[in-house]
Amino acid sequence: VRLVESGGGLVQPGGSLTLSCAASGFTFSGYTMSWHRQVPGKGREMVAGINQNGDFTNYAESVKGRFTISRNNDLDTVYLQMNNLKTEDTAVYYCNAATWSPNRYIYWGQGTQVTVSS
């Protein structure tokens, strides 16, 4: 099983980035996908989630209206479009895959750094 994030980097406040997470080794379309982030010294925070067929999404209040999660089940990839980035969005962003039926499986990517700074 692999989740490989890409697209992180340095961006100025107000800028945009799109993160991608390429999945392999499991049935991607059967998993809920989500993005989480973590800064040093703090716990991991869920940023956005999307259900198996992509018709339901949810977001942390801090990113609503600025971030958009989407997925392509033909490409086994989930995306996070981030607009109007703020310095407080600086974090390591992690991709997560989860399923609870019939058994519980949870997978994490290695993370990609996003730094918002002028």
N, C-alpha and C. Protein backbone atom coordinates (compact mmCIF):
# COMPACT_ATOMS: atom_id res chain seq x y z
N VAL A 1 0.85 -1.20 0.00
CA VAL A 1 0.00 0.00 0.00
C VAL A 1 0.88 1.24 0.00
N ARG A 2 0.55 2.16 -0.89
CA ARG A 2 1.31 3.41 -0.93
C ARG A 2 0.37 4.58 -1.14
N LEU A 3 0.65 5.67 -0.40
CA LEU A 3 0.03 6.97 -0.63
C LEU A 3 1.18 7.95 -0.78
N VAL A 4 1.27 8.57 -1.95
CA VAL A 4 2.39 9.46 -2.24
C VAL A 4 1.86 10.86 -2.51
N GLU A 5 2.15 11.78 -1.58
CA GLU A 5 1.73 13.16 -1.74
C GLU A 5 2.75 13.93 -2.56
N SER A 6 2.26 14.93 -3.27
CA SER A 6 3.13 15.83 -4.03
C SER A 6 2.44 17.18 -4.16
N GLY A 7 3.22 18.20 -4.56
CA GLY A 7 2.64 19.51 -4.81
C GLY A 7 2.90 20.53 -3.73
N GLY A 8 3.52 20.12 -2.63
CA GLY A 8 3.82 21.09 -1.59
C GLY A 8 4.93 22.03 -2.01
N GLY A 9 5.14 23.06 -1.20
CA GLY A 9 6.19 24.01 -1.51
C GLY A 9 6.01 25.30 -0.75
N LEU A 10 6.73 26.31 -1.22
CA LEU A 10 6.68 27.64 -0.62
C LEU A 10 5.79 28.54 -1.47
N VAL A 11 4.88 29.24 -0.83
CA VAL A 11 3.97 30.13 -1.54
C VAL A 11 3.75 31.37 -0.68
N GLN A 12 3.48 32.49 -1.33
CA GLN A 12 3.22 33.73 -0.60
C GLN A 12 1.78 33.76 -0.10
N PRO A 13 1.53 34.50 0.95
CA PRO A 13 0.14 34.65 1.41
C PRO A 13 -0.76 35.13 0.28
N GLY A 14 -1.94 34.53 0.20
CA GLY A 14 -2.87 34.84 -0.89
C GLY A 14 -2.69 33.96 -2.10
N GLY A 15 -1.64 33.19 -2.13
CA GLY A 15 -1.36 32.32 -3.26
C GLY A 15 -2.12 31.01 -3.21
N SER A 16 -1.84 30.16 -4.20
CA SER A 16 -2.54 28.88 -4.33
C SER A 16 -1.56 27.74 -4.53
N LEU A 17 -1.97 26.58 -4.10
CA LEU A 17 -1.25 25.34 -4.35
C LEU A 17 -2.27 24.23 -4.52
N THR A 18 -1.89 23.21 -5.30
CA THR A 18 -2.71 22.01 -5.40
C THR A 18 -1.88 20.81 -4.98
N LEU A 19 -2.35 20.12 -3.97
CA LEU A 19 -1.70 18.89 -3.53
C LEU A 19 -2.34 17.70 -4.23
N SER A 20 -1.53 16.69 -4.52
CA SER A 20 -2.02 15.44 -5.08
C SER A 20 -1.57 14.29 -4.21
N CYS A 21 -2.37 13.25 -4.19
CA CYS A 21 -2.02 12.04 -3.44
C CYS A 21 -2.35 10.85 -4.35
N ALA A 22 -1.30 10.18 -4.81
CA ALA A 22 -1.47 9.02 -5.68
C ALA A 22 -1.48 7.75 -4.84
N ALA A 23 -2.51 6.95 -5.00
CA ALA A 23 -2.68 5.74 -4.20
C ALA A 23 -2.39 4.49 -5.02
N SER A 24 -1.90 3.47 -4.35
CA SER A 24 -1.70 2.18 -5.00
C SER A 24 -1.71 1.09 -3.95
N GLY A 25 -2.03 -0.12 -4.39
CA GLY A 25 -1.97 -1.27 -3.50
C GLY A 25 -3.26 -1.58 -2.77
N PHE A 26 -4.32 -0.83 -3.04
CA PHE A 26 -5.61 -1.12 -2.44
C PHE A 26 -6.70 -0.60 -3.37
N THR A 27 -7.94 -0.97 -3.09
CA THR A 27 -9.06 -0.56 -3.94
C THR A 27 -9.47 0.86 -3.58
N PHE A 28 -8.89 1.80 -4.28
CA PHE A 28 -9.05 3.23 -3.96
C PHE A 28 -10.52 3.64 -3.87
N SER A 29 -11.33 3.19 -4.79
CA SER A 29 -12.72 3.64 -4.84
C SER A 29 -13.54 3.17 -3.64
N GLY A 30 -13.01 2.25 -2.86
CA GLY A 30 -13.72 1.77 -1.69
C GLY A 30 -13.36 2.48 -0.41
N TYR A 31 -12.53 3.49 -0.49
CA TYR A 31 -12.01 4.18 0.68
C TYR A 31 -12.45 5.64 0.73
N THR A 32 -12.80 6.10 1.93
CA THR A 32 -12.92 7.52 2.20
C THR A 32 -11.51 8.11 2.22
N MET A 33 -11.36 9.26 1.58
CA MET A 33 -10.05 9.91 1.53
C MET A 33 -10.11 11.24 2.26
N SER A 34 -9.01 11.63 2.85
CA SER A 34 -8.97 12.90 3.57
C SER A 34 -7.57 13.46 3.59
N TRP A 35 -7.50 14.75 3.84
CA TRP A 35 -6.24 15.45 4.03
C TRP A 35 -6.19 15.95 5.47
N HIS A 36 -5.02 15.82 6.07
CA HIS A 36 -4.78 16.27 7.42
C HIS A 36 -3.51 17.10 7.41
N ARG A 37 -3.33 17.89 8.44
CA ARG A 37 -2.09 18.66 8.53
C ARG A 37 -1.61 18.70 9.97
N GLN A 38 -0.31 18.94 10.09
CA GLN A 38 0.30 18.96 11.42
C GLN A 38 1.45 19.95 11.44
N VAL A 39 1.50 20.73 12.52
CA VAL A 39 2.63 21.62 12.76
C VAL A 39 3.38 21.09 13.96
N PRO A 40 4.67 21.40 14.07
CA PRO A 40 5.46 20.89 15.20
C PRO A 40 4.84 21.27 16.54
N GLY A 41 4.75 20.29 17.42
CA GLY A 41 4.23 20.54 18.75
C GLY A 41 2.73 20.47 18.87
N LYS A 42 2.03 20.22 17.78
CA LYS A 42 0.56 20.14 17.81
C LYS A 42 0.10 18.82 17.23
N GLY A 43 -1.14 18.46 17.52
CA GLY A 43 -1.72 17.24 16.99
C GLY A 43 -2.09 17.39 15.53
N ARG A 44 -2.36 16.26 14.91
CA ARG A 44 -2.74 16.27 13.50
C ARG A 44 -4.20 16.70 13.38
N GLU A 45 -4.48 17.59 12.44
CA GLU A 45 -5.80 18.19 12.26
C GLU A 45 -6.38 17.75 10.92
N MET A 46 -7.64 17.30 10.93
CA MET A 46 -8.30 16.96 9.67
C MET A 46 -8.68 18.24 8.95
N VAL A 47 -8.30 18.34 7.69
CA VAL A 47 -8.55 19.53 6.89
C VAL A 47 -9.77 19.35 5.99
N ALA A 48 -9.82 18.23 5.29
CA ALA A 48 -10.92 17.99 4.34
C ALA A 48 -11.08 16.50 4.13
N GLY A 49 -12.31 16.08 3.86
CA GLY A 49 -12.58 14.67 3.60
C GLY A 49 -13.55 14.52 2.44
N ILE A 50 -13.51 13.35 1.80
CA ILE A 50 -14.39 13.09 0.65
C ILE A 50 -14.78 11.62 0.68
N ASN A 51 -16.03 11.33 0.38
CA ASN A 51 -16.47 9.95 0.45
C ASN A 51 -16.06 9.17 -0.80
N GLN A 52 -16.48 7.92 -0.85
CA GLN A 52 -15.94 7.02 -1.87
C GLN A 52 -16.23 7.47 -3.30
N ASN A 53 -17.44 7.94 -3.56
CA ASN A 53 -17.74 8.33 -4.95
C ASN A 53 -17.64 9.83 -5.18
N GLY A 54 -17.24 10.58 -4.17
CA GLY A 54 -16.96 11.99 -4.35
C GLY A 54 -18.15 12.92 -4.26
N ASP A 55 -19.31 12.41 -3.84
CA ASP A 55 -20.48 13.28 -3.81
C ASP A 55 -20.73 13.89 -2.43
N PHE A 56 -19.83 13.64 -1.48
CA PHE A 56 -19.93 14.27 -0.18
C PHE A 56 -18.55 14.69 0.28
N THR A 57 -18.45 15.95 0.69
CA THR A 57 -17.19 16.47 1.21
C THR A 57 -17.44 17.20 2.53
N ASN A 58 -16.40 17.28 3.34
CA ASN A 58 -16.49 18.09 4.56
C ASN A 58 -15.16 18.75 4.81
N TYR A 59 -15.20 19.88 5.50
CA TYR A 59 -14.01 20.72 5.68
C TYR A 59 -13.92 21.24 7.11
N ALA A 60 -12.70 21.45 7.55
CA ALA A 60 -12.48 22.18 8.79
C ALA A 60 -12.96 23.61 8.60
N GLU A 61 -13.47 24.21 9.68
CA GLU A 61 -13.98 25.58 9.57
C GLU A 61 -12.91 26.54 9.08
N SER A 62 -11.68 26.29 9.47
CA SER A 62 -10.59 27.22 9.14
C SER A 62 -10.27 27.27 7.65
N VAL A 63 -10.74 26.29 6.88
CA VAL A 63 -10.40 26.25 5.45
C VAL A 63 -11.62 26.33 4.55
N LYS A 64 -12.81 26.35 5.13
CA LYS A 64 -14.03 26.40 4.31
C LYS A 64 -14.02 27.62 3.40
N GLY A 65 -14.37 27.40 2.14
CA GLY A 65 -14.40 28.49 1.17
C GLY A 65 -13.05 28.77 0.52
N ARG A 66 -11.99 28.16 1.04
CA ARG A 66 -10.66 28.37 0.46
C ARG A 66 -10.07 27.08 -0.12
N PHE A 67 -10.37 25.95 0.50
CA PHE A 67 -9.82 24.65 0.06
C PHE A 67 -10.92 23.82 -0.58
N THR A 68 -10.54 23.02 -1.57
CA THR A 68 -11.47 22.10 -2.23
C THR A 68 -10.81 20.73 -2.38
N ILE A 69 -11.48 19.72 -1.86
CA ILE A 69 -10.99 18.35 -2.02
C ILE A 69 -11.75 17.69 -3.17
N SER A 70 -11.04 16.90 -3.96
CA SER A 70 -11.67 16.16 -5.05
C SER A 70 -10.91 14.86 -5.25
N ARG A 71 -11.52 13.97 -6.01
CA ARG A 71 -10.86 12.69 -6.27
C ARG A 71 -11.16 12.21 -7.68
N ASN A 72 -10.26 11.42 -8.22
CA ASN A 72 -10.45 10.78 -9.51
C ASN A 72 -10.24 9.29 -9.31
N ASN A 73 -11.33 8.54 -9.30
CA ASN A 73 -11.23 7.10 -9.02
C ASN A 73 -10.65 6.32 -10.20
N ASP A 74 -10.61 6.92 -11.37
CA ASP A 74 -9.95 6.26 -12.50
C ASP A 74 -8.44 6.36 -12.39
N LEU A 75 -7.96 7.43 -11.74
CA LEU A 75 -6.52 7.65 -11.58
C LEU A 75 -6.03 7.30 -10.18
N ASP A 76 -6.95 6.88 -9.29
CA ASP A 76 -6.59 6.56 -7.91
C ASP A 76 -5.84 7.71 -7.25
N THR A 77 -6.39 8.89 -7.41
CA THR A 77 -5.73 10.10 -6.90
C THR A 77 -6.75 11.01 -6.22
N VAL A 78 -6.32 11.61 -5.12
CA VAL A 78 -7.12 12.62 -4.45
C VAL A 78 -6.34 13.92 -4.45
N TYR A 79 -7.06 15.03 -4.54
CA TYR A 79 -6.45 16.35 -4.67
C TYR A 79 -6.93 17.27 -3.56
N LEU A 80 -6.11 18.28 -3.28
CA LEU A 80 -6.53 19.36 -2.40
C LEU A 80 -6.11 20.67 -3.05
N GLN A 81 -7.10 21.38 -3.56
CA GLN A 81 -6.86 22.70 -4.12
C GLN A 81 -6.93 23.71 -2.99
N MET A 82 -5.86 24.47 -2.80
CA MET A 82 -5.78 25.43 -1.71
C MET A 82 -5.61 26.83 -2.28
N ASN A 83 -6.59 27.68 -2.02
CA ASN A 83 -6.57 29.06 -2.50
C ASN A 83 -6.50 30.02 -1.33
N ASN A 84 -6.11 31.24 -1.63
CA ASN A 84 -6.03 32.30 -0.61
C ASN A 84 -5.31 31.80 0.65
N LEU A 85 -4.14 31.24 0.43
CA LEU A 85 -3.41 30.64 1.54
C LEU A 85 -2.96 31.68 2.55
N LYS A 86 -2.95 31.28 3.82
CA LYS A 86 -2.58 32.14 4.92
C LYS A 86 -1.36 31.54 5.61
N THR A 87 -0.64 32.38 6.35
CA THR A 87 0.55 31.89 7.04
C THR A 87 0.21 30.75 8.00
N GLU A 88 -0.99 30.79 8.57
CA GLU A 88 -1.39 29.73 9.50
C GLU A 88 -1.71 28.41 8.81
N ASP A 89 -1.71 28.38 7.49
CA ASP A 89 -1.86 27.12 6.77
C ASP A 89 -0.53 26.36 6.66
N THR A 90 0.55 26.98 7.09
CA THR A 90 1.84 26.31 7.05
C THR A 90 1.82 25.06 7.91
N ALA A 91 2.17 23.93 7.31
CA ALA A 91 2.12 22.64 8.00
C ALA A 91 2.64 21.55 7.07
N VAL A 92 2.82 20.37 7.62
CA VAL A 92 3.01 19.18 6.80
C VAL A 92 1.62 18.60 6.53
N TYR A 93 1.32 18.37 5.28
CA TYR A 93 0.01 17.88 4.87
C TYR A 93 0.11 16.38 4.55
N TYR A 94 -0.83 15.62 5.13
CA TYR A 94 -0.83 14.17 4.98
C TYR A 94 -2.11 13.70 4.30
N CYS A 95 -1.97 12.73 3.44
CA CYS A 95 -3.09 12.06 2.80
C CYS A 95 -3.47 10.84 3.63
N ASN A 96 -4.77 10.60 3.75
CA ASN A 96 -5.27 9.48 4.55
C ASN A 96 -6.32 8.71 3.76
N ALA A 97 -6.26 7.39 3.84
CA ALA A 97 -7.28 6.52 3.25
C ALA A 97 -7.86 5.66 4.35
N ALA A 98 -9.19 5.54 4.40
CA ALA A 98 -9.81 4.79 5.48
C ALA A 98 -11.05 4.04 5.01
N THR A 99 -11.23 2.86 5.57
CA THR A 99 -12.45 2.10 5.37
C THR A 99 -12.77 1.37 6.66
N TRP A 100 -14.06 1.18 6.92
CA TRP A 100 -14.48 0.54 8.15
C TRP A 100 -15.33 -0.71 7.92
N SER A 101 -15.64 -1.01 6.68
CA SER A 101 -16.51 -2.14 6.39
C SER A 101 -15.98 -2.92 5.20
N PRO A 102 -15.85 -4.23 5.35
CA PRO A 102 -16.18 -5.03 6.52
C PRO A 102 -15.11 -4.99 7.62
N ASN A 103 -13.92 -4.53 7.29
CA ASN A 103 -12.86 -4.40 8.29
C ASN A 103 -12.30 -2.99 8.25
N ARG A 104 -11.64 -2.62 9.34
CA ARG A 104 -11.09 -1.27 9.45
C ARG A 104 -9.65 -1.26 8.97
N TYR A 105 -9.41 -0.42 7.95
CA TYR A 105 -8.05 -0.20 7.46
C TYR A 105 -7.84 1.29 7.32
N ILE A 106 -6.68 1.75 7.79
CA ILE A 106 -6.32 3.16 7.68
C ILE A 106 -4.88 3.26 7.21
N TYR A 107 -4.66 4.07 6.18
CA TYR A 107 -3.33 4.26 5.62
C TYR A 107 -2.99 5.74 5.59
N TRP A 108 -1.70 6.03 5.76
CA TRP A 108 -1.20 7.41 5.72
C TRP A 108 -0.07 7.55 4.70
N GLY A 109 -0.01 8.71 4.09
CA GLY A 109 1.14 9.05 3.26
C GLY A 109 2.27 9.58 4.12
N GLN A 110 3.37 9.93 3.46
CA GLN A 110 4.56 10.38 4.18
C GLN A 110 4.53 11.88 4.47
N GLY A 111 3.63 12.59 3.83
CA GLY A 111 3.49 14.02 4.08
C GLY A 111 4.23 14.88 3.08
N THR A 112 3.72 16.08 2.88
CA THR A 112 4.37 17.07 2.03
C THR A 112 4.30 18.43 2.73
N GLN A 113 5.40 19.15 2.71
CA GLN A 113 5.48 20.42 3.44
C GLN A 113 4.85 21.54 2.62
N VAL A 114 3.99 22.31 3.27
CA VAL A 114 3.45 23.54 2.69
C VAL A 114 3.86 24.69 3.59
N THR A 115 4.54 25.66 3.01
CA THR A 115 4.99 26.83 3.75
C THR A 115 4.42 28.08 3.10
N VAL A 116 3.69 28.85 3.89
CA VAL A 116 3.10 30.10 3.39
C VAL A 116 3.84 31.25 4.08
N SER A 117 4.59 31.99 3.29
CA SER A 117 5.43 33.03 3.86
C SER A 117 5.75 34.06 2.80
N SER A 118 5.88 35.30 3.25
CA SER A 118 6.30 36.37 2.33
C SER A 118 7.81 36.55 2.37
